[in-house]
Amino acid sequence: MKVRIMLLIAALAVGAAGAQAQTVSDDGGDIVFTDKAGSQKHITTSHLDSDPSLSDDNRRIVFVRRTPGRTIGTGISDADRNELWLALVDGAKAPWRVLAGHAGSFTGPDLMLAGFSCPQFSPDGKRVYFVAETWATSAAIYALDVETGKTTFLDTASSLEVIGVGKHKGFLIVEETPLTEDRGRISEFWLLDQNGRHIQRIGETEADVAASGLRDER
C-alpha cells in the first residue's frame, strides 16, 4: 500500500510539473487558446483579431478586432483596430463585440476613440483597460465597464499593464511621455490606481519597473 501511495504521489508530481499555464495568442489574425495540457483551440477564425488577453479566472478572452472597411482618423494614423470583443474559452457562446470606436475631436468630451491595443481585464473581470490612439505625441488609457459598455478616460499614456498580485493588485503601470524643458520628450512609468489616480512615479525604464517589485509583491 505504501509503495502504491508513493507511486501515486510521484505521478501527480510529474503531472503537475508537466502542466503549463493556460495562454492565448493570435495566429494569422485568429485567436487561439492553449490549455494546460498544451492542446490548442481556435476561438475565432476572422483573420482580423489580435492582442488577446485572458481574464484572471481563465474563462474569458478580450481581444481587438480590425475594421478594414471602417477607418478612423487619429493623430497617429487612419486606425482600423477599432473594436473590442469578448469570447468564452469553452465556446459556449459566440464571441461578441463590447466596444466600437468612433470619430471625434482631439479635446473635450467628444474625444475620438480608435486604434485599440493592449486590452486587459481587471482582476475581478468587471473592467477592461485598454490603450487607444489619440494624439500624435501620445495615446490614451481607458477603462471599459464590461456590463454597461461605458468607457472612462483615465490617463494620457502609451502603454499599460494591470498588476495581478500583491497589495497593488488591480492597479496599473503606465508609460507616459511628458515633454520636459531640458530633456525634451521622455518616458516615465507611473503607478495608477483603478480610477487613474497617480500613486507614485516608478522611474524612466523597464529596469526601474522590474526593480520596483510591483509585479511580484505579496
Protein backbone atom coordinates (compact mmCIF):
# COMPACT_ATOMS: atom_id res chain seq x y z
CA MET A 1 0.00 0.00 0.00
CA LYS A 2 2.81 2.41 0.92
CA VAL A 3 4.50 1.73 -2.44
CA ARG A 4 1.23 2.46 -4.28
CA ILE A 5 0.76 5.74 -2.43
CA MET A 6 4.32 6.79 -3.21
CA LEU A 7 3.84 5.94 -6.89
CA LEU A 8 0.60 7.92 -6.97
CA ILE A 9 2.28 10.94 -5.38
CA ALA A 10 5.12 10.69 -7.89
CA ALA A 11 2.68 10.50 -10.79
CA LEU A 12 0.80 13.54 -9.53
CA ALA A 13 4.06 15.45 -9.16
CA VAL A 14 5.08 14.60 -12.70
CA GLY A 15 1.67 15.65 -13.98
CA ALA A 16 1.87 18.95 -12.15
CA ALA A 17 5.38 19.58 -13.41
CA GLY A 18 4.30 18.77 -16.96
CA ALA A 19 1.28 21.08 -16.85
CA GLN A 20 1.60 24.54 -18.32
CA ALA A 21 -0.24 27.79 -17.88
CA GLN A 22 -3.30 28.44 -19.99
CA THR A 23 -2.49 31.04 -22.63
CA VAL A 24 -3.99 32.91 -25.56
CA SER A 25 -2.28 34.08 -28.72
CA ASP A 26 -3.09 35.35 -32.20
CA ASP A 27 -2.22 33.28 -35.25
CA GLY A 28 -2.72 34.97 -38.59
CA GLY A 29 -5.47 37.15 -37.18
CA ASP A 30 -7.22 34.31 -35.32
CA ILE A 31 -7.38 33.96 -31.53
CA VAL A 32 -6.00 30.66 -30.23
CA PHE A 33 -6.42 29.27 -26.72
CA THR A 34 -3.89 26.79 -25.31
CA ASP A 35 -4.98 24.73 -22.31
CA LYS A 36 -2.87 23.27 -19.50
CA ALA A 37 -2.20 20.11 -21.50
CA GLY A 38 -0.90 22.11 -24.45
CA SER A 39 -3.93 21.47 -26.66
CA GLN A 40 -4.90 24.39 -28.87
CA LYS A 41 -8.34 25.61 -29.92
CA HIS A 42 -9.20 28.38 -32.38
CA ILE A 43 -11.56 30.80 -30.67
CA THR A 44 -12.04 32.99 -33.76
CA THR A 45 -11.47 32.50 -37.49
CA SER A 46 -12.00 36.04 -38.80
CA HIS A 47 -8.30 36.71 -39.63
CA LEU A 48 -8.88 40.17 -38.14
CA ASP A 49 -8.10 39.63 -34.45
CA SER A 50 -5.11 40.40 -32.22
CA ASP A 51 -3.94 41.41 -28.74
CA PRO A 52 -5.79 38.66 -26.80
CA SER A 53 -5.72 38.57 -23.01
CA LEU A 54 -7.22 36.12 -20.50
CA SER A 55 -9.35 37.03 -17.51
CA ASP A 56 -7.96 36.03 -14.10
CA ASP A 57 -10.36 33.09 -13.89
CA ASN A 58 -9.23 31.87 -17.35
CA ARG A 59 -12.81 31.79 -18.59
CA ARG A 60 -12.95 34.84 -20.89
CA ILE A 61 -10.75 36.40 -23.53
CA VAL A 62 -10.70 40.03 -24.59
CA PHE A 63 -9.18 40.94 -27.95
CA VAL A 64 -9.00 43.65 -30.62
CA ARG A 65 -10.73 43.24 -33.97
CA ARG A 66 -9.70 45.17 -37.07
CA THR A 67 -12.30 47.05 -39.13
CA PRO A 68 -10.54 47.40 -42.51
CA GLY A 69 -13.69 48.77 -44.14
CA ARG A 70 -14.06 51.48 -41.49
CA THR A 71 -11.02 53.51 -40.50
CA ILE A 72 -10.98 56.37 -38.03
CA GLY A 73 -8.51 59.21 -38.22
CA THR A 74 -6.37 59.85 -35.13
CA GLY A 75 -3.31 61.99 -34.56
CA ILE A 76 -1.18 58.96 -35.39
CA SER A 77 -2.90 57.15 -38.28
CA ASP A 78 -6.09 56.17 -40.04
CA ALA A 79 -6.80 53.47 -37.48
CA ASP A 80 -8.58 50.23 -38.31
CA ARG A 81 -8.17 48.50 -34.92
CA ASN A 82 -11.47 49.86 -33.73
CA GLU A 83 -13.40 47.14 -31.89
CA LEU A 84 -13.05 45.23 -28.62
CA TRP A 85 -14.56 41.75 -28.41
CA LEU A 86 -15.03 39.14 -25.70
CA ALA A 87 -15.10 35.36 -26.07
CA LEU A 88 -15.65 32.42 -23.75
CA VAL A 89 -12.84 29.89 -23.55
CA ASP A 90 -15.30 26.98 -23.52
CA GLY A 91 -17.04 28.21 -26.68
CA ALA A 92 -20.48 28.08 -25.02
CA LYS A 93 -21.34 31.41 -26.67
CA ALA A 94 -20.18 33.02 -29.90
CA PRO A 95 -17.69 35.89 -29.43
CA TRP A 96 -19.42 39.26 -29.06
CA ARG A 97 -18.45 42.90 -29.53
CA VAL A 98 -18.33 45.05 -26.40
CA LEU A 99 -16.98 48.30 -27.83
CA ALA A 100 -16.92 50.04 -31.22
CA GLY A 101 -14.69 53.05 -31.75
CA HIS A 102 -15.88 56.36 -33.13
CA ALA A 103 -14.56 59.55 -34.69
CA GLY A 104 -14.21 62.67 -32.58
CA SER A 105 -12.08 65.64 -31.63
CA PHE A 106 -8.66 65.97 -30.02
CA THR A 107 -10.04 67.80 -26.97
CA GLY A 108 -13.15 67.94 -24.86
CA PRO A 109 -15.85 65.40 -24.10
CA ASP A 110 -16.16 64.24 -27.74
CA LEU A 111 -12.67 62.71 -27.78
CA MET A 112 -12.07 60.22 -30.58
CA LEU A 113 -11.95 56.55 -29.63
CA ALA A 114 -9.96 54.38 -32.05
CA GLY A 115 -6.77 52.43 -32.66
CA PHE A 116 -7.17 49.99 -29.76
CA SER A 117 -4.38 47.86 -28.28
CA CYS A 118 -3.31 46.01 -25.15
CA PRO A 119 -6.76 45.24 -23.62
CA GLN A 120 -6.54 43.64 -20.17
CA PHE A 121 -9.15 42.58 -17.62
CA SER A 122 -9.24 43.93 -14.11
CA PRO A 123 -8.71 41.12 -11.56
CA ASP A 124 -12.45 40.97 -10.82
CA GLY A 125 -13.29 40.83 -14.52
CA LYS A 126 -15.67 43.80 -14.35
CA ARG A 127 -13.47 46.17 -16.34
CA VAL A 128 -11.26 46.03 -19.41
CA TYR A 129 -8.41 48.53 -19.54
CA PHE A 130 -7.01 49.40 -22.97
CA VAL A 131 -4.88 51.83 -24.97
CA ALA A 132 -6.37 53.99 -27.74
CA GLU A 133 -4.53 56.07 -30.34
CA THR A 134 -5.33 59.72 -29.88
CA TRP A 135 -2.74 62.45 -30.32
CA ALA A 136 0.43 62.48 -32.44
CA THR A 137 2.57 62.56 -29.30
CA SER A 138 0.67 60.18 -27.02
CA ALA A 139 -2.13 57.68 -26.67
CA ALA A 140 -4.85 57.43 -24.04
CA ILE A 141 -5.72 54.85 -21.39
CA TYR A 142 -9.37 53.94 -20.89
CA ALA A 143 -11.44 51.67 -18.67
CA LEU A 144 -14.43 49.87 -20.18
CA ASP A 145 -17.24 48.74 -17.88
CA VAL A 146 -17.97 45.29 -19.31
CA GLU A 147 -21.58 45.25 -18.11
CA THR A 148 -22.67 48.74 -19.21
CA GLY A 149 -20.28 49.35 -22.12
CA LYS A 150 -19.35 52.76 -20.69
CA THR A 151 -15.77 53.95 -21.22
CA THR A 152 -13.86 56.23 -18.85
CA PHE A 153 -10.73 58.17 -19.80
CA LEU A 154 -8.01 57.56 -17.19
CA ASP A 155 -4.69 58.95 -18.37
CA THR A 156 -2.53 60.20 -21.21
CA ALA A 157 -0.10 57.32 -21.71
CA SER A 158 1.22 54.98 -24.38
CA SER A 159 1.21 51.60 -22.60
CA LEU A 160 -0.41 49.88 -19.66
CA GLU A 161 -0.08 46.79 -17.50
CA VAL A 162 -2.58 45.58 -14.90
CA ILE A 163 -0.90 44.32 -11.73
CA GLY A 164 -2.21 40.86 -10.87
CA VAL A 165 -0.80 40.20 -7.40
CA GLY A 166 0.05 41.81 -4.08
CA LYS A 167 -1.26 44.85 -2.23
CA HIS A 168 -1.47 46.81 -5.50
CA LYS A 169 -3.47 44.11 -7.27
CA GLY A 170 -5.71 45.77 -9.86
CA PHE A 171 -3.58 48.91 -10.06
CA LEU A 172 -1.98 49.97 -13.35
CA ILE A 173 1.57 50.52 -14.52
CA VAL A 174 1.51 53.04 -17.38
CA GLU A 175 4.15 54.70 -19.52
CA GLU A 176 3.74 58.44 -20.03
CA THR A 177 5.80 60.59 -22.40
CA PRO A 178 5.88 64.11 -20.97
CA LEU A 179 7.68 66.97 -22.71
CA THR A 180 10.39 68.49 -20.48
CA GLU A 181 12.18 71.81 -20.88
CA ASP A 182 15.71 70.45 -20.55
CA ARG A 183 15.48 66.89 -21.94
CA GLY A 184 12.72 67.05 -24.50
CA ARG A 185 10.18 64.23 -24.52
CA ILE A 186 10.99 61.42 -22.06
CA SER A 187 9.40 58.19 -20.84
CA GLU A 188 8.08 57.95 -17.28
CA PHE A 189 6.48 54.91 -15.69
CA TRP A 190 3.77 55.58 -13.12
CA LEU A 191 1.63 53.54 -10.76
CA LEU A 192 -2.06 54.44 -11.06
CA ASP A 193 -4.99 53.20 -9.04
CA GLN A 194 -8.03 51.62 -10.72
CA ASN A 195 -9.55 55.03 -11.42
CA GLY A 196 -6.47 56.63 -12.96
CA ARG A 197 -5.21 58.49 -9.88
CA HIS A 198 -1.40 58.82 -9.84
CA ILE A 199 0.03 56.97 -6.84
CA GLN A 200 3.78 57.08 -7.42
CA ARG A 201 6.41 57.67 -10.07
CA ILE A 202 8.25 54.40 -10.70
CA GLY A 203 11.08 55.53 -12.97
CA GLU A 204 12.06 56.02 -16.60
CA THR A 205 12.97 52.50 -17.75
CA GLU A 206 11.66 48.93 -17.76
CA ALA A 207 14.54 48.14 -15.38
CA ASP A 208 13.05 50.62 -12.90
CA VAL A 209 9.69 48.86 -13.17
CA ALA A 210 11.30 45.46 -12.59
CA ALA A 211 13.28 46.77 -9.61
CA SER A 212 10.13 48.25 -8.04
CA GLY A 213 8.81 44.77 -7.25
CA LEU A 214 5.27 45.78 -8.16
CA ARG A 215 4.82 42.79 -10.45
CA ASP A 216 5.57 40.20 -7.79
CA GLU A 217 4.95 41.83 -4.41
CA ARG A 218 2.98 39.91 -1.82
